[in-house]
N, C-alpha and C. Protein backbone atom coordinates (compact mmCIF):
# COMPACT_ATOMS: atom_id res chain seq x y z
N MET A 1 -8.03 -25.64 2.39
CA MET A 1 -8.72 -25.22 3.44
C MET A 1 -9.09 -26.26 4.48
N THR A 2 -8.71 -26.22 5.82
CA THR A 2 -8.93 -27.30 6.72
C THR A 2 -10.37 -27.17 7.08
N GLU A 3 -11.04 -28.24 7.75
CA GLU A 3 -12.46 -28.49 8.15
C GLU A 3 -12.68 -27.43 9.18
N ASN A 4 -11.58 -27.15 10.01
CA ASN A 4 -11.89 -26.25 11.21
C ASN A 4 -11.39 -24.80 10.94
N THR A 5 -11.36 -24.50 9.50
CA THR A 5 -11.31 -22.98 9.15
C THR A 5 -12.50 -22.39 9.69
N THR A 6 -12.12 -21.19 10.44
CA THR A 6 -13.21 -20.27 10.95
C THR A 6 -13.68 -19.35 9.85
N GLN A 7 -14.85 -18.69 10.15
CA GLN A 7 -15.33 -17.73 9.20
C GLN A 7 -14.42 -16.67 8.99
N ALA A 8 -13.78 -16.22 9.92
CA ALA A 8 -12.88 -14.88 10.00
C ALA A 8 -11.55 -15.39 9.07
N GLU A 9 -11.17 -16.67 9.13
CA GLU A 9 -10.09 -16.98 8.19
C GLU A 9 -10.44 -16.91 6.70
N ARG A 10 -11.70 -16.98 6.59
CA ARG A 10 -12.24 -17.06 5.10
C ARG A 10 -12.32 -15.59 4.58
N LEU A 11 -12.40 -14.53 5.32
CA LEU A 11 -12.75 -13.14 5.14
C LEU A 11 -11.64 -12.69 4.26
N PRO A 12 -11.96 -11.80 3.42
CA PRO A 12 -10.67 -11.20 2.45
C PRO A 12 -9.91 -10.42 3.36
N ILE A 13 -8.57 -10.30 2.86
CA ILE A 13 -7.65 -9.42 3.80
C ILE A 13 -7.87 -8.14 3.32
N ASP A 14 -8.31 -7.22 4.46
CA ASP A 14 -8.29 -5.78 4.11
C ASP A 14 -6.96 -5.12 4.17
N PRO A 15 -6.65 -4.35 3.20
CA PRO A 15 -5.19 -3.79 2.94
C PRO A 15 -4.67 -3.05 4.13
N HIS A 16 -5.61 -2.73 5.08
CA HIS A 16 -5.42 -1.77 6.00
C HIS A 16 -5.47 -2.35 7.52
N ASP A 17 -5.93 -3.52 7.63
CA ASP A 17 -5.91 -4.41 8.86
C ASP A 17 -4.56 -4.72 9.24
N VAL A 18 -4.15 -4.61 10.46
CA VAL A 18 -2.88 -5.09 10.82
C VAL A 18 -2.76 -6.67 11.22
N PHE A 19 -1.86 -7.31 10.79
CA PHE A 19 -1.90 -8.99 10.95
C PHE A 19 -0.41 -8.91 11.56
N THR A 20 -0.51 -10.16 12.34
CA THR A 20 0.80 -10.58 13.10
C THR A 20 0.87 -12.04 13.00
N VAL A 21 2.08 -12.62 13.24
CA VAL A 21 2.33 -13.99 13.22
C VAL A 21 1.54 -14.54 14.44
N ALA A 22 0.84 -15.72 14.21
CA ALA A 22 -0.01 -16.34 15.15
C ALA A 22 1.05 -17.17 16.26
N PRO A 23 0.54 -17.26 17.39
CA PRO A 23 1.56 -17.87 18.41
C PRO A 23 1.85 -19.55 18.05
N VAL A 24 0.95 -20.04 17.33
CA VAL A 24 1.11 -21.40 16.92
C VAL A 24 2.07 -21.77 15.82
N ALA A 25 2.71 -20.39 15.21
CA ALA A 25 3.46 -20.69 13.96
C ALA A 25 4.93 -20.68 14.35
N VAL A 26 5.55 -21.74 13.75
CA VAL A 26 6.99 -21.69 13.73
C VAL A 26 7.61 -21.65 12.50
N ALA A 27 8.52 -20.85 12.20
CA ALA A 27 9.20 -20.56 10.95
C ALA A 27 10.66 -21.26 11.05
N ALA A 28 10.89 -21.83 9.90
CA ALA A 28 12.14 -22.57 9.66
C ALA A 28 12.84 -22.07 8.41
N PRO A 29 13.36 -20.90 8.38
CA PRO A 29 14.00 -20.44 7.21
C PRO A 29 15.24 -20.97 6.80
N ASP A 30 15.60 -21.05 5.55
CA ASP A 30 16.92 -21.51 5.14
C ASP A 30 17.48 -20.50 4.09
N ASP A 31 18.41 -20.61 3.25
CA ASP A 31 19.11 -19.78 2.28
C ASP A 31 18.16 -19.37 1.21
N VAL A 32 17.15 -20.24 0.87
CA VAL A 32 16.43 -19.92 -0.39
C VAL A 32 14.86 -19.57 0.15
N ASP A 33 14.46 -20.26 0.88
CA ASP A 33 12.95 -20.06 1.23
C ASP A 33 12.68 -20.31 2.65
N CYS A 34 11.33 -20.46 3.32
CA CYS A 34 11.08 -20.62 4.77
C CYS A 34 9.93 -21.61 4.61
N VAL A 35 9.90 -22.46 5.53
CA VAL A 35 8.89 -23.39 5.93
C VAL A 35 8.21 -22.97 7.27
N ILE A 36 6.89 -22.69 7.12
CA ILE A 36 6.02 -22.17 8.36
C ILE A 36 5.30 -23.50 8.76
N HIS A 37 5.46 -23.71 10.12
CA HIS A 37 4.61 -24.91 10.58
C HIS A 37 3.53 -24.51 11.70
N ASN A 38 2.23 -24.85 11.64
CA ASN A 38 1.47 -24.76 12.53
C ASN A 38 1.61 -25.81 13.55
N ILE A 39 1.93 -25.64 14.80
CA ILE A 39 2.18 -26.70 15.74
C ILE A 39 0.84 -27.22 16.43
N GLU A 40 -0.21 -26.56 16.11
CA GLU A 40 -1.59 -27.03 16.58
C GLU A 40 -2.08 -27.97 15.56
N THR A 41 -2.13 -27.59 14.37
CA THR A 41 -2.81 -28.42 13.35
C THR A 41 -1.78 -29.44 12.45
N GLY A 42 -0.57 -29.01 12.68
CA GLY A 42 0.48 -29.82 11.86
C GLY A 42 0.51 -29.44 10.39
N ALA A 43 -0.14 -28.37 9.90
CA ALA A 43 -0.19 -27.77 8.58
C ALA A 43 1.21 -27.18 8.53
N THR A 44 1.73 -27.25 7.20
CA THR A 44 2.82 -26.54 6.73
C THR A 44 2.61 -25.61 5.59
N TYR A 45 3.48 -24.54 5.43
CA TYR A 45 3.40 -23.82 4.17
C TYR A 45 4.73 -23.34 3.84
N ARG A 46 5.10 -23.41 2.69
CA ARG A 46 6.45 -23.05 2.08
C ARG A 46 6.51 -21.71 1.50
N LEU A 47 7.28 -20.79 1.66
CA LEU A 47 7.44 -19.56 1.28
C LEU A 47 8.68 -19.37 0.27
N ASN A 48 8.72 -18.69 -0.66
CA ASN A 48 9.68 -18.26 -1.53
C ASN A 48 10.47 -17.25 -0.99
N ASP A 49 11.40 -16.59 -1.63
CA ASP A 49 12.07 -15.64 -0.97
C ASP A 49 11.30 -14.34 -0.79
N VAL A 50 10.48 -13.97 -1.71
CA VAL A 50 9.41 -12.83 -1.62
C VAL A 50 8.46 -13.13 -0.38
N GLY A 51 7.95 -14.41 -0.51
CA GLY A 51 6.97 -14.80 0.59
C GLY A 51 7.82 -14.73 1.98
N THR A 52 8.97 -15.08 1.98
CA THR A 52 9.74 -15.11 3.29
C THR A 52 9.68 -13.65 3.74
N ARG A 53 10.11 -12.68 2.82
CA ARG A 53 10.04 -11.22 3.26
C ARG A 53 8.82 -10.79 3.77
N VAL A 54 7.72 -11.25 3.28
CA VAL A 54 6.42 -10.92 3.57
C VAL A 54 6.30 -11.41 5.21
N TRP A 55 6.69 -12.74 5.34
CA TRP A 55 6.70 -13.31 6.73
C TRP A 55 7.37 -12.42 7.56
N GLU A 56 8.54 -12.08 7.31
CA GLU A 56 9.31 -11.18 8.24
C GLU A 56 8.83 -9.86 8.73
N LEU A 57 8.00 -9.31 7.76
CA LEU A 57 7.27 -8.13 7.95
C LEU A 57 6.16 -8.35 8.80
N LEU A 58 5.57 -9.45 8.76
CA LEU A 58 4.53 -9.88 9.55
C LEU A 58 4.91 -10.05 10.93
N GLU A 59 6.13 -10.62 11.24
CA GLU A 59 6.66 -10.80 12.49
C GLU A 59 6.66 -9.55 13.31
N SER A 60 6.67 -8.50 12.70
CA SER A 60 6.71 -7.11 13.42
C SER A 60 5.08 -6.38 13.44
N SER A 61 4.22 -7.23 12.92
CA SER A 61 2.92 -6.62 12.69
C SER A 61 3.00 -5.68 11.42
N ALA A 62 1.96 -6.01 10.57
CA ALA A 62 2.12 -5.03 9.33
C ALA A 62 0.77 -5.22 8.62
N THR A 63 0.46 -4.22 7.80
CA THR A 63 -0.84 -4.30 7.00
C THR A 63 -0.32 -4.63 5.58
N ALA A 64 -1.33 -5.32 4.94
CA ALA A 64 -1.07 -5.73 3.41
C ALA A 64 -0.43 -4.60 2.59
N ALA A 65 -1.03 -3.44 2.99
CA ALA A 65 -0.63 -2.14 2.10
C ALA A 65 0.85 -1.74 2.41
N ASP A 66 1.07 -1.99 3.74
CA ASP A 66 2.66 -1.62 4.20
C ASP A 66 3.51 -2.66 3.54
N ILE A 67 3.01 -3.81 3.69
CA ILE A 67 3.92 -5.00 2.90
C ILE A 67 4.14 -4.79 1.62
N THR A 68 3.11 -4.46 0.90
CA THR A 68 3.20 -4.16 -0.70
C THR A 68 4.12 -3.18 -0.93
N THR A 69 4.01 -1.87 -0.23
CA THR A 69 4.79 -0.82 -0.53
C THR A 69 6.38 -1.17 -0.22
N THR A 70 6.58 -2.04 0.71
CA THR A 70 8.07 -2.52 1.11
C THR A 70 8.45 -3.35 0.07
N ILE A 71 7.62 -4.37 -0.34
CA ILE A 71 8.12 -5.46 -1.52
C ILE A 71 8.54 -4.61 -2.76
N GLN A 72 7.68 -3.48 -3.16
CA GLN A 72 7.75 -2.61 -4.28
C GLN A 72 9.19 -1.97 -4.12
N ALA A 73 9.48 -1.53 -2.97
CA ALA A 73 10.72 -0.73 -2.74
C ALA A 73 11.88 -1.52 -2.70
N GLU A 74 11.93 -2.74 -2.19
CA GLU A 74 13.08 -3.55 -1.91
C GLU A 74 13.36 -4.55 -3.09
N TYR A 75 12.51 -4.76 -3.91
CA TYR A 75 12.76 -5.81 -5.16
C TYR A 75 12.98 -4.98 -6.54
N GLN A 76 13.80 -5.53 -7.41
CA GLN A 76 13.80 -4.96 -8.61
C GLN A 76 12.78 -5.82 -9.58
N LEU A 77 11.49 -5.23 -9.62
CA LEU A 77 10.59 -5.90 -10.19
C LEU A 77 10.59 -5.50 -11.80
N PRO A 78 10.33 -6.52 -12.61
CA PRO A 78 10.14 -6.24 -14.07
C PRO A 78 9.13 -5.04 -14.39
N GLY A 79 9.37 -4.45 -15.36
CA GLY A 79 8.45 -3.28 -15.75
C GLY A 79 7.02 -3.71 -16.09
N ASP A 80 6.71 -4.97 -16.32
CA ASP A 80 5.51 -5.34 -16.69
C ASP A 80 4.67 -5.63 -15.33
N VAL A 81 5.46 -5.65 -14.13
CA VAL A 81 4.70 -5.92 -12.93
C VAL A 81 4.19 -4.70 -12.25
N THR A 82 2.90 -4.55 -12.25
CA THR A 82 1.92 -3.50 -11.81
C THR A 82 2.13 -3.44 -10.38
N PRO A 83 1.95 -2.19 -9.60
CA PRO A 83 1.59 -2.15 -8.30
C PRO A 83 0.42 -3.03 -7.91
N GLN A 84 -0.65 -3.16 -8.68
CA GLN A 84 -1.76 -3.91 -8.38
C GLN A 84 -1.39 -5.35 -8.25
N ALA A 85 -0.60 -5.90 -9.07
CA ALA A 85 -0.26 -7.37 -9.23
C ALA A 85 0.74 -7.60 -7.89
N VAL A 86 1.41 -6.74 -7.48
CA VAL A 86 2.34 -6.98 -6.39
C VAL A 86 1.24 -7.01 -5.17
N ALA A 87 0.25 -6.10 -5.00
CA ALA A 87 -0.72 -6.09 -4.08
C ALA A 87 -1.48 -7.39 -4.01
N ASP A 88 -1.73 -7.70 -5.14
CA ASP A 88 -2.70 -9.18 -5.32
C ASP A 88 -1.82 -10.31 -4.91
N ASP A 89 -0.51 -10.32 -5.17
CA ASP A 89 0.34 -11.32 -4.77
C ASP A 89 0.56 -11.40 -3.21
N VAL A 90 0.76 -10.15 -2.61
CA VAL A 90 0.82 -10.08 -1.07
C VAL A 90 -0.45 -10.59 -0.50
N THR A 91 -1.57 -10.28 -0.99
CA THR A 91 -2.82 -10.51 -0.35
C THR A 91 -3.11 -12.08 -0.55
N LYS A 92 -2.66 -12.70 -1.59
CA LYS A 92 -2.69 -14.25 -1.84
C LYS A 92 -1.80 -14.83 -0.72
N ILE A 93 -0.73 -14.44 -0.64
CA ILE A 93 0.11 -14.94 0.52
C ILE A 93 -0.45 -14.79 2.01
N MET A 94 -1.12 -13.65 2.13
CA MET A 94 -1.49 -13.47 3.46
C MET A 94 -2.67 -14.16 3.53
N THR A 95 -3.76 -14.39 2.58
CA THR A 95 -4.82 -15.34 2.80
C THR A 95 -4.48 -16.66 3.02
N ASP A 96 -3.50 -17.02 2.31
CA ASP A 96 -3.13 -18.49 2.59
C ASP A 96 -2.53 -18.72 3.98
N LEU A 97 -1.65 -17.81 4.44
CA LEU A 97 -1.18 -17.95 5.77
C LEU A 97 -2.36 -17.86 6.84
N ARG A 98 -3.28 -16.96 6.54
CA ARG A 98 -4.41 -16.81 7.59
C ARG A 98 -5.24 -18.13 7.57
N GLN A 99 -5.38 -18.78 6.36
CA GLN A 99 -6.24 -19.98 6.11
C GLN A 99 -5.67 -21.24 6.85
N PHE A 100 -4.28 -21.17 6.81
CA PHE A 100 -3.41 -22.14 7.60
C PHE A 100 -3.14 -21.92 9.18
N GLY A 101 -3.93 -20.80 9.56
CA GLY A 101 -3.78 -20.44 11.03
C GLY A 101 -2.38 -19.84 11.36
N LEU A 102 -1.63 -19.23 10.48
CA LEU A 102 -0.27 -18.86 10.71
C LEU A 102 -0.33 -17.50 10.97
N ILE A 103 -1.14 -16.68 10.45
CA ILE A 103 -1.12 -15.32 10.85
C ILE A 103 -2.65 -14.87 11.42
N ALA A 104 -2.75 -13.75 12.21
CA ALA A 104 -4.24 -13.48 12.65
C ALA A 104 -4.14 -11.99 12.77
N LEU A 105 -5.57 -11.47 12.78
CA LEU A 105 -5.41 -9.90 12.94
C LEU A 105 -4.89 -9.57 14.40
N SER A 106 -4.10 -8.50 14.39
CA SER A 106 -3.56 -7.97 15.72
C SER A 106 -4.85 -7.38 16.60
N ALA A 107 -4.61 -7.62 17.87
CA ALA A 107 -5.65 -7.03 18.82
C ALA A 107 -5.67 -5.71 18.96
């Protein structure tokens, strides 16, 4: 976490809050993953294929709950991966993106 992280960026992600990509975020996707760059701070964050899909959903504004449902529907997850594990992973990605200033609550 950077020194200039705001209190709001440290708050937990509510599964029903709508988030969107921050205006300072620039994505550079490739065939395998995606690198997101904060043009204000210089921070970068690399996403794998599932993380990249989370990013794509955030580009249209989304809640963590909606993203979790979409990920569960679109990916062939192993039988031992629970819905809660998917929700936890989505929340972790979104928390990281928020701390890097790459997503924000929709107004």
